[in-house]
Amino acid sequence: MLTSKSTIKPTQKNIDRPDLNRRLFWDVRYDEIEWNKEYRFIISRVNERGNDEEWEELIRFYDMDKVLHTLKHEATYFIPYTIERI
């Protein structure tokens, strides 16, 4: 389980974008995603459909504070089963 004191460190690979499976973004053009600009969509999508490794990658890329802030203050809807995960 991840905590706000997670020690996930950025790595050299995928500094420009998170290493997330294309299956999460089946409905958009994956290669055209603007990873920094569209963070709300990406964080919400991983929240809905991502596994533990994808959550860790999301936190590595955006950092825990940004992910938590987005989920608490910017996300507008949660699928009921995702609330427990948050």
PDB file of N, CA and C in Angstrom:
ATOM      1  N   MET A   1       0.848  -1.182   0.000  1.00  0.00           N
ATOM      2  CA  MET A   1       0.000   0.000   0.000  1.00  0.00           C
ATOM      3  C   MET A   1       0.888   1.238   0.000  1.00  0.00           C
ATOM      4  N   LEU A   2       0.521   2.217  -0.789  1.00  0.00           N
ATOM      5  CA  LEU A   2       1.298   3.442  -0.891  1.00  0.00           C
ATOM      6  C   LEU A   2       0.858   4.443   0.160  1.00  0.00           C
ATOM      7  N   THR A   3       1.788   5.195   0.681  1.00  0.00           N
ATOM      8  CA  THR A   3       1.474   6.239   1.647  1.00  0.00           C
ATOM      9  C   THR A   3       1.999   7.556   1.134  1.00  0.00           C
ATOM     10  N   SER A   4       1.624   8.631   1.798  1.00  0.00           N
ATOM     11  CA  SER A   4       2.101   9.938   1.366  1.00  0.00           C
ATOM     12  C   SER A   4       3.602  10.079   1.552  1.00  0.00           C
ATOM     13  N   LYS A   5       4.213   9.195   2.294  1.00  0.00           N
ATOM     14  CA  LYS A   5       5.658   9.235   2.488  1.00  0.00           C
ATOM     15  C   LYS A   5       6.356   8.224   1.586  1.00  0.00           C
ATOM     16  N   SER A   6       5.714   7.879   0.491  1.00  0.00           N
ATOM     17  CA  SER A   6       6.293   6.937  -0.451  1.00  0.00           C
ATOM     18  C   SER A   6       7.645   7.442  -0.937  1.00  0.00           C
ATOM     19  N   THR A   7       8.565   6.532  -1.157  1.00  0.00           N
ATOM     20  CA  THR A   7       9.909   6.928  -1.559  1.00  0.00           C
ATOM     21  C   THR A   7      10.175   6.613  -3.015  1.00  0.00           C
ATOM     22  N   ILE A   8       9.168   6.644  -3.827  1.00  0.00           N
ATOM     23  CA  ILE A   8       9.342   6.385  -5.242  1.00  0.00           C
ATOM     24  C   ILE A   8      10.146   7.537  -5.843  1.00  0.00           C
ATOM     25  N   LYS A   9      11.225   7.222  -6.515  1.00  0.00           N
ATOM     26  CA  LYS A   9      12.105   8.232  -7.088  1.00  0.00           C
ATOM     27  C   LYS A   9      11.981   8.215  -8.615  1.00  0.00           C
ATOM     28  N   PRO A  10      12.076   9.382  -9.246  1.00  0.00           N
ATOM     29  CA  PRO A  10      12.088   9.397 -10.708  1.00  0.00           C
ATOM     30  C   PRO A  10      13.297   8.626 -11.232  1.00  0.00           C
ATOM     31  N   THR A  11      13.104   7.977 -12.346  1.00  0.00           N
ATOM     32  CA  THR A  11      14.197   7.263 -12.982  1.00  0.00           C
ATOM     33  C   THR A  11      14.498   7.930 -14.312  1.00  0.00           C
ATOM     34  N   GLN A  12      15.564   7.526 -14.945  1.00  0.00           N
ATOM     35  CA  GLN A  12      15.919   8.109 -16.228  1.00  0.00           C
ATOM     36  C   GLN A  12      14.913   7.752 -17.312  1.00  0.00           C
ATOM     37  N   LYS A  13      14.302   6.582 -17.231  1.00  0.00           N
ATOM     38  CA  LYS A  13      13.361   6.218 -18.285  1.00  0.00           C
ATOM     39  C   LYS A  13      12.059   6.990 -18.119  1.00  0.00           C
ATOM     40  N   ASN A  14      11.507   7.381 -19.213  1.00  0.00           N
ATOM     41  CA  ASN A  14      10.203   8.025 -19.270  1.00  0.00           C
ATOM     42  C   ASN A  14      10.081   9.278 -18.407  1.00  0.00           C
ATOM     43  N   ILE A  15      11.034  10.163 -18.529  1.00  0.00           N
ATOM     44  CA  ILE A  15      10.945  11.419 -17.808  1.00  0.00           C
ATOM     45  C   ILE A  15       9.886  12.313 -18.440  1.00  0.00           C
ATOM     46  N   ASP A  16       9.677  12.193 -19.749  1.00  0.00           N
ATOM     47  CA  ASP A  16       8.711  13.024 -20.455  1.00  0.00           C
ATOM     48  C   ASP A  16       7.274  12.536 -20.324  1.00  0.00           C
ATOM     49  N   ARG A  17       7.114  11.284 -19.979  1.00  0.00           N
ATOM     50  CA  ARG A  17       5.775  10.718 -19.830  1.00  0.00           C
ATOM     51  C   ARG A  17       5.835   9.517 -18.901  1.00  0.00           C
ATOM     52  N   PRO A  18       4.716   9.222 -18.242  1.00  0.00           N
ATOM     53  CA  PRO A  18       4.707   8.028 -17.388  1.00  0.00           C
ATOM     54  C   PRO A  18       4.687   6.768 -18.245  1.00  0.00           C
ATOM     55  N   ASP A  19       5.176   5.693 -17.707  1.00  0.00           N
ATOM     56  CA  ASP A  19       5.197   4.404 -18.394  1.00  0.00           C
ATOM     57  C   ASP A  19       3.912   3.653 -18.055  1.00  0.00           C
ATOM     58  N   LEU A  20       2.833   4.060 -18.711  1.00  0.00           N
ATOM     59  CA  LEU A  20       1.520   3.474 -18.453  1.00  0.00           C
ATOM     60  C   LEU A  20       1.067   2.674 -19.662  1.00  0.00           C
ATOM     61  N   ASN A  21       0.390   1.592 -19.399  1.00  0.00           N
ATOM     62  CA  ASN A  21      -0.072   0.713 -20.454  1.00  0.00           C
ATOM     63  C   ASN A  21      -1.072   1.423 -21.363  1.00  0.00           C
ATOM     64  N   ARG A  22      -0.922   1.221 -22.655  1.00  0.00           N
ATOM     65  CA  ARG A  22      -1.823   1.826 -23.645  1.00  0.00           C
ATOM     66  C   ARG A  22      -3.281   1.399 -23.440  1.00  0.00           C
ATOM     67  N   ARG A  23      -3.489   0.236 -22.836  1.00  0.00           N
ATOM     68  CA  ARG A  23      -4.862  -0.250 -22.651  1.00  0.00           C
ATOM     69  C   ARG A  23      -5.700   0.712 -21.808  1.00  0.00           C
ATOM     70  N   LEU A  24      -5.045   1.469 -20.938  1.00  0.00           N
ATOM     71  CA  LEU A  24      -5.766   2.433 -20.108  1.00  0.00           C
ATOM     72  C   LEU A  24      -6.366   3.566 -20.941  1.00  0.00           C
ATOM     73  N   PHE A  25      -5.789   3.796 -22.105  1.00  0.00           N
ATOM     74  CA  PHE A  25      -6.163   4.943 -22.927  1.00  0.00           C
ATOM     75  C   PHE A  25      -6.639   4.492 -24.305  1.00  0.00           C
ATOM     76  N   TRP A  26      -7.418   3.411 -24.316  1.00  0.00           N
ATOM     77  CA  TRP A  26      -7.896   2.816 -25.556  1.00  0.00           C
ATOM     78  C   TRP A  26      -8.726   3.791 -26.393  1.00  0.00           C
ATOM     79  N   ASP A  27      -9.329   4.784 -25.755  1.00  0.00           N
ATOM     80  CA  ASP A  27     -10.282   5.653 -26.439  1.00  0.00           C
ATOM     81  C   ASP A  27      -9.677   6.980 -26.914  1.00  0.00           C
ATOM     82  N   VAL A  28      -8.376   7.151 -26.736  1.00  0.00           N
ATOM     83  CA  VAL A  28      -7.693   8.370 -27.191  1.00  0.00           C
ATOM     84  C   VAL A  28      -6.436   7.966 -27.961  1.00  0.00           C
ATOM     85  N   ARG A  29      -5.869   8.911 -28.664  1.00  0.00           N
ATOM     86  CA  ARG A  29      -4.620   8.654 -29.389  1.00  0.00           C
ATOM     87  C   ARG A  29      -3.461   8.755 -28.394  1.00  0.00           C
ATOM     88  N   TYR A  30      -2.999   7.608 -27.971  1.00  0.00           N
ATOM     89  CA  TYR A  30      -1.984   7.512 -26.921  1.00  0.00           C
ATOM     90  C   TYR A  30      -0.761   8.374 -27.216  1.00  0.00           C
ATOM     91  N   ASP A  31      -0.288   8.340 -28.448  1.00  0.00           N
ATOM     92  CA  ASP A  31       0.925   9.074 -28.799  1.00  0.00           C
ATOM     93  C   ASP A  31       0.727  10.583 -28.830  1.00  0.00           C
ATOM     94  N   GLU A  32      -0.509  11.035 -28.740  1.00  0.00           N
ATOM     95  CA  GLU A  32      -0.785  12.468 -28.765  1.00  0.00           C
ATOM     96  C   GLU A  32      -1.191  13.022 -27.387  1.00  0.00           C
ATOM     97  N   ILE A  33      -1.170  12.189 -26.374  1.00  0.00           N
ATOM     98  CA  ILE A  33      -1.518  12.647 -25.030  1.00  0.00           C
ATOM     99  C   ILE A  33      -0.476  13.660 -24.560  1.00  0.00           C
ATOM    100  N   GLU A  34      -0.939  14.765 -24.039  1.00  0.00           N
ATOM    101  CA  GLU A  34      -0.052  15.760 -23.445  1.00  0.00           C
ATOM    102  C   GLU A  34      -0.024  15.481 -21.947  1.00  0.00           C
ATOM    103  N   TRP A  35       0.984  14.747 -21.518  1.00  0.00           N
ATOM    104  CA  TRP A  35       1.035  14.157 -20.184  1.00  0.00           C
ATOM    105  C   TRP A  35       0.989  15.180 -19.061  1.00  0.00           C
ATOM    106  N   ASN A  36       1.595  16.327 -19.232  1.00  0.00           N
ATOM    107  CA  ASN A  36       1.562  17.343 -18.179  1.00  0.00           C
ATOM    108  C   ASN A  36       0.283  18.164 -18.222  1.00  0.00           C
ATOM    109  N   LYS A  37      -0.190  18.462 -19.387  1.00  0.00           N
ATOM    110  CA  LYS A  37      -1.389  19.287 -19.533  1.00  0.00           C
ATOM    111  C   LYS A  37      -2.664  18.525 -19.158  1.00  0.00           C
ATOM    112  N   GLU A  38      -2.716  17.243 -19.464  1.00  0.00           N
ATOM    113  CA  GLU A  38      -3.928  16.447 -19.278  1.00  0.00           C
ATOM    114  C   GLU A  38      -3.866  15.570 -18.023  1.00  0.00           C
ATOM    115  N   TYR A  39      -3.154  16.034 -17.005  1.00  0.00           N
ATOM    116  CA  TYR A  39      -2.940  15.227 -15.804  1.00  0.00           C
ATOM    117  C   TYR A  39      -4.240  14.824 -15.105  1.00  0.00           C
ATOM    118  N   ARG A  40      -5.265  15.684 -15.108  1.00  0.00           N
ATOM    119  CA  ARG A  40      -6.534  15.336 -14.438  1.00  0.00           C
ATOM    120  C   ARG A  40      -7.147  14.090 -15.064  1.00  0.00           C
ATOM    121  N   PHE A  41      -7.195  14.077 -16.381  1.00  0.00           N
ATOM    122  CA  PHE A  41      -7.728  12.926 -17.106  1.00  0.00           C
ATOM    123  C   PHE A  41      -6.897  11.676 -16.819  1.00  0.00           C
ATOM    124  N   ILE A  42      -5.592  11.805 -16.873  1.00  0.00           N
ATOM    125  CA  ILE A  42      -4.705  10.654 -16.695  1.00  0.00           C
ATOM    126  C   ILE A  42      -4.807  10.099 -15.277  1.00  0.00           C
ATOM    127  N   ILE A  43      -4.782  10.967 -14.289  1.00  0.00           N
ATOM    128  CA  ILE A  43      -4.899  10.519 -12.900  1.00  0.00           C
ATOM    129  C   ILE A  43      -6.257   9.853 -12.673  1.00  0.00           C
ATOM    130  N   SER A  44      -7.309  10.424 -13.207  1.00  0.00           N
ATOM    131  CA  SER A  44      -8.638   9.815 -13.065  1.00  0.00           C
ATOM    132  C   SER A  44      -8.704   8.461 -13.749  1.00  0.00           C
ATOM    133  N   ARG A  45      -8.114   8.350 -14.919  1.00  0.00           N
ATOM    134  CA  ARG A  45      -8.154   7.081 -15.653  1.00  0.00           C
ATOM    135  C   ARG A  45      -7.398   5.994 -14.909  1.00  0.00           C
ATOM    136  N   VAL A  46      -6.233   6.315 -14.384  1.00  0.00           N
ATOM    137  CA  VAL A  46      -5.472   5.314 -13.627  1.00  0.00           C
ATOM    138  C   VAL A  46      -6.227   4.963 -12.346  1.00  0.00           C
ATOM    139  N   ASN A  47      -6.877   5.935 -11.739  1.00  0.00           N
ATOM    140  CA  ASN A  47      -7.698   5.664 -10.559  1.00  0.00           C
ATOM    141  C   ASN A  47      -8.799   4.661 -10.884  1.00  0.00           C
ATOM    142  N   GLU A  48      -9.430   4.821 -12.015  1.00  0.00           N
ATOM    143  CA  GLU A  48     -10.537   3.945 -12.404  1.00  0.00           C
ATOM    144  C   GLU A  48     -10.084   2.567 -12.849  1.00  0.00           C
ATOM    145  N   ARG A  49      -8.999   2.504 -13.605  1.00  0.00           N
ATOM    146  CA  ARG A  49      -8.668   1.262 -14.299  1.00  0.00           C
ATOM    147  C   ARG A  49      -7.258   0.727 -14.064  1.00  0.00           C
ATOM    148  N   GLY A  50      -6.431   1.467 -13.348  1.00  0.00           N
ATOM    149  CA  GLY A  50      -5.041   1.064 -13.191  1.00  0.00           C
ATOM    150  C   GLY A  50      -4.813   0.027 -12.112  1.00  0.00           C
ATOM    151  N   ASN A  51      -3.721  -0.699 -12.256  1.00  0.00           N
ATOM    152  CA  ASN A  51      -3.322  -1.666 -11.224  1.00  0.00           C
ATOM    153  C   ASN A  51      -2.298  -1.007 -10.298  1.00  0.00           C
ATOM    154  N   ASP A  52      -1.787  -1.754  -9.335  1.00  0.00           N
ATOM    155  CA  ASP A  52      -0.853  -1.185  -8.356  1.00  0.00           C
ATOM    156  C   ASP A  52       0.409  -0.623  -9.005  1.00  0.00           C
ATOM    157  N   GLU A  53       0.948  -1.321  -9.993  1.00  0.00           N
ATOM    158  CA  GLU A  53       2.155  -0.832 -10.659  1.00  0.00           C
ATOM    159  C   GLU A  53       1.878   0.473 -11.395  1.00  0.00           C
ATOM    160  N   GLU A  54       0.704   0.595 -11.992  1.00  0.00           N
ATOM    161  CA  GLU A  54       0.359   1.826 -12.703  1.00  0.00           C
ATOM    162  C   GLU A  54       0.145   2.983 -11.729  1.00  0.00           C
ATOM    163  N   TRP A  55      -0.395   2.697 -10.549  1.00  0.00           N
ATOM    164  CA  TRP A  55      -0.500   3.716  -9.504  1.00  0.00           C
ATOM    165  C   TRP A  55       0.881   4.192  -9.088  1.00  0.00           C
ATOM    166  N   GLU A  56       1.806   3.266  -8.886  1.00  0.00           N
ATOM    167  CA  GLU A  56       3.167   3.635  -8.500  1.00  0.00           C
ATOM    168  C   GLU A  56       3.829   4.489  -9.569  1.00  0.00           C
ATOM    169  N   GLU A  57       3.608   4.136 -10.829  1.00  0.00           N
ATOM    170  CA  GLU A  57       4.180   4.911 -11.921  1.00  0.00           C
ATOM    171  C   GLU A  57       3.553   6.301 -11.986  1.00  0.00           C
ATOM    172  N   LEU A  58       2.274   6.387 -11.753  1.00  0.00           N
ATOM    173  CA  LEU A  58       1.583   7.671 -11.722  1.00  0.00           C
ATOM    174  C   LEU A  58       2.184   8.575 -10.650  1.00  0.00           C
ATOM    175  N   ILE A  59       2.429   8.027  -9.483  1.00  0.00           N
ATOM    176  CA  ILE A  59       3.013   8.786  -8.374  1.00  0.00           C
ATOM    177  C   ILE A  59       4.471   9.137  -8.671  1.00  0.00           C
ATOM    178  N   ARG A  60       5.197   8.227  -9.293  1.00  0.00           N
ATOM    179  CA  ARG A  60       6.576   8.524  -9.674  1.00  0.00           C
ATOM    180  C   ARG A  60       6.621   9.718 -10.630  1.00  0.00           C
ATOM    181  N   PHE A  61       5.715   9.738 -11.598  1.00  0.00           N
ATOM    182  CA  PHE A  61       5.748  10.781 -12.615  1.00  0.00           C
ATOM    183  C   PHE A  61       5.218  12.118 -12.098  1.00  0.00           C
ATOM    184  N   TYR A  62       4.056  12.103 -11.439  1.00  0.00           N
ATOM    185  CA  TYR A  62       3.430  13.358 -11.012  1.00  0.00           C
ATOM    186  C   TYR A  62       3.777  13.749  -9.576  1.00  0.00           C
ATOM    187  N   ASP A  63       4.140  12.844  -8.751  1.00  0.00           N
ATOM    188  CA  ASP A  63       4.443  12.917  -7.328  1.00  0.00           C
ATOM    189  C   ASP A  63       3.153  12.814  -6.508  1.00  0.00           C
ATOM    190  N   MET A  64       3.315  12.309  -5.307  1.00  0.00           N
ATOM    191  CA  MET A  64       2.172  12.002  -4.440  1.00  0.00           C
ATOM    192  C   MET A  64       1.313  13.235  -4.170  1.00  0.00           C
ATOM    193  N   ASP A  65       1.923  14.368  -3.904  1.00  0.00           N
ATOM    194  CA  ASP A  65       1.150  15.575  -3.586  1.00  0.00           C
ATOM    195  C   ASP A  65       0.220  15.974  -4.727  1.00  0.00           C
ATOM    196  N   LYS A  66       0.722  15.931  -5.961  1.00  0.00           N
ATOM    197  CA  LYS A  66      -0.108  16.319  -7.103  1.00  0.00           C
ATOM    198  C   LYS A  66      -1.248  15.320  -7.305  1.00  0.00           C
ATOM    199  N   VAL A  67      -0.956  14.033  -7.176  1.00  0.00           N
ATOM    200  CA  VAL A  67      -1.999  13.014  -7.345  1.00  0.00           C
ATOM    201  C   VAL A  67      -3.075  13.196  -6.287  1.00  0.00           C
ATOM    202  N   LEU A  68      -2.677  13.340  -5.028  1.00  0.00           N
ATOM    203  CA  LEU A  68      -3.662  13.512  -3.958  1.00  0.00           C
ATOM    204  C   LEU A  68      -4.457  14.804  -4.121  1.00  0.00           C
ATOM    205  N   HIS A  69      -3.786  15.896  -4.461  1.00  0.00           N
ATOM    206  CA  HIS A  69      -4.490  17.163  -4.665  1.00  0.00           C
ATOM    207  C   HIS A  69      -5.514  17.030  -5.796  1.00  0.00           C
ATOM    208  N   THR A  70      -5.127  16.402  -6.867  1.00  0.00           N
ATOM    209  CA  THR A  70      -6.037  16.221  -7.999  1.00  0.00           C
ATOM    210  C   THR A  70      -7.244  15.390  -7.595  1.00  0.00           C
ATOM    211  N   LEU A  71      -7.014  14.292  -6.895  1.00  0.00           N
ATOM    212  CA  LEU A  71      -8.127  13.431  -6.487  1.00  0.00           C
ATOM    213  C   LEU A  71      -9.033  14.119  -5.470  1.00  0.00           C
ATOM    214  N   LYS A  72      -8.460  14.897  -4.570  1.00  0.00           N
ATOM    215  CA  LYS A  72      -9.257  15.561  -3.534  1.00  0.00           C
ATOM    216  C   LYS A  72      -9.986  16.798  -4.042  1.00  0.00           C
ATOM    217  N   HIS A  73      -9.338  17.583  -4.902  1.00  0.00           N
ATOM    218  CA  HIS A  73      -9.862  18.908  -5.221  1.00  0.00           C
ATOM    219  C   HIS A  73     -10.249  19.136  -6.673  1.00  0.00           C
ATOM    220  N   GLU A  74      -9.793  18.286  -7.582  1.00  0.00           N
ATOM    221  CA  GLU A  74     -10.055  18.556  -8.990  1.00  0.00           C
ATOM    222  C   GLU A  74     -10.895  17.490  -9.675  1.00  0.00           C
ATOM    223  N   ALA A  75     -10.893  16.290  -9.174  1.00  0.00           N
ATOM    224  CA  ALA A  75     -11.703  15.236  -9.771  1.00  0.00           C
ATOM    225  C   ALA A  75     -13.161  15.464  -9.391  1.00  0.00           C
ATOM    226  N   THR A  76     -14.056  15.196 -10.328  1.00  0.00           N
ATOM    227  CA  THR A  76     -15.466  15.488 -10.074  1.00  0.00           C
ATOM    228  C   THR A  76     -16.329  14.252  -9.883  1.00  0.00           C
ATOM    229  N   TYR A  77     -15.851  13.089 -10.278  1.00  0.00           N
ATOM    230  CA  TYR A  77     -16.668  11.886 -10.155  1.00  0.00           C
ATOM    231  C   TYR A  77     -15.763  10.683  -9.919  1.00  0.00           C
ATOM    232  N   PHE A  78     -16.201   9.803  -9.036  1.00  0.00           N
ATOM    233  CA  PHE A  78     -15.490   8.554  -8.790  1.00  0.00           C
ATOM    234  C   PHE A  78     -16.450   7.389  -8.954  1.00  0.00           C
ATOM    235  N   ILE A  79     -15.987   6.364  -9.643  1.00  0.00           N
ATOM    236  CA  ILE A  79     -16.737   5.115  -9.698  1.00  0.00           C
ATOM    237  C   ILE A  79     -16.709   4.556  -8.282  1.00  0.00           C
ATOM    238  N   PRO A  80     -17.827   4.066  -7.758  1.00  0.00           N
ATOM    239  CA  PRO A  80     -17.876   3.654  -6.347  1.00  0.00           C
ATOM    240  C   PRO A  80     -16.719   2.760  -5.873  1.00  0.00           C
ATOM    241  N   TYR A  81     -16.292   1.787  -6.662  1.00  0.00           N
ATOM    242  CA  TYR A  81     -15.231   0.902  -6.182  1.00  0.00           C
ATOM    243  C   TYR A  81     -13.877   1.599  -6.087  1.00  0.00           C
ATOM    244  N   THR A  82     -13.724   2.760  -6.703  1.00  0.00           N
ATOM    245  CA  THR A  82     -12.434   3.461  -6.635  1.00  0.00           C
ATOM    246  C   THR A  82     -12.278   4.276  -5.357  1.00  0.00           C
ATOM    247  N   ILE A  83     -13.353   4.574  -4.688  1.00  0.00           N
ATOM    248  CA  ILE A  83     -13.282   5.396  -3.479  1.00  0.00           C
ATOM    249  C   ILE A  83     -12.443   4.701  -2.402  1.00  0.00           C
ATOM    250  N   GLU A  84     -12.619   3.400  -2.254  1.00  0.00           N
ATOM    251  CA  GLU A  84     -11.832   2.653  -1.282  1.00  0.00           C
ATOM    252  C   GLU A  84     -10.341   2.734  -1.584  1.00  0.00           C
ATOM    253  N   ARG A  85     -10.004   2.646  -2.845  1.00  0.00           N
ATOM    254  CA  ARG A  85      -8.599   2.685  -3.258  1.00  0.00           C
ATOM    255  C   ARG A  85      -7.967   4.029  -2.911  1.00  0.00           C
ATOM    256  N   ILE A  86      -8.715   5.104  -3.097  1.00  0.00           N
ATOM    257  CA  ILE A  86      -8.203   6.447  -2.796  1.00  0.00           C
ATOM    258  C   ILE A  86      -7.915   6.548  -1.318  1.00  0.00           C
TER     259      ILE A  86
END
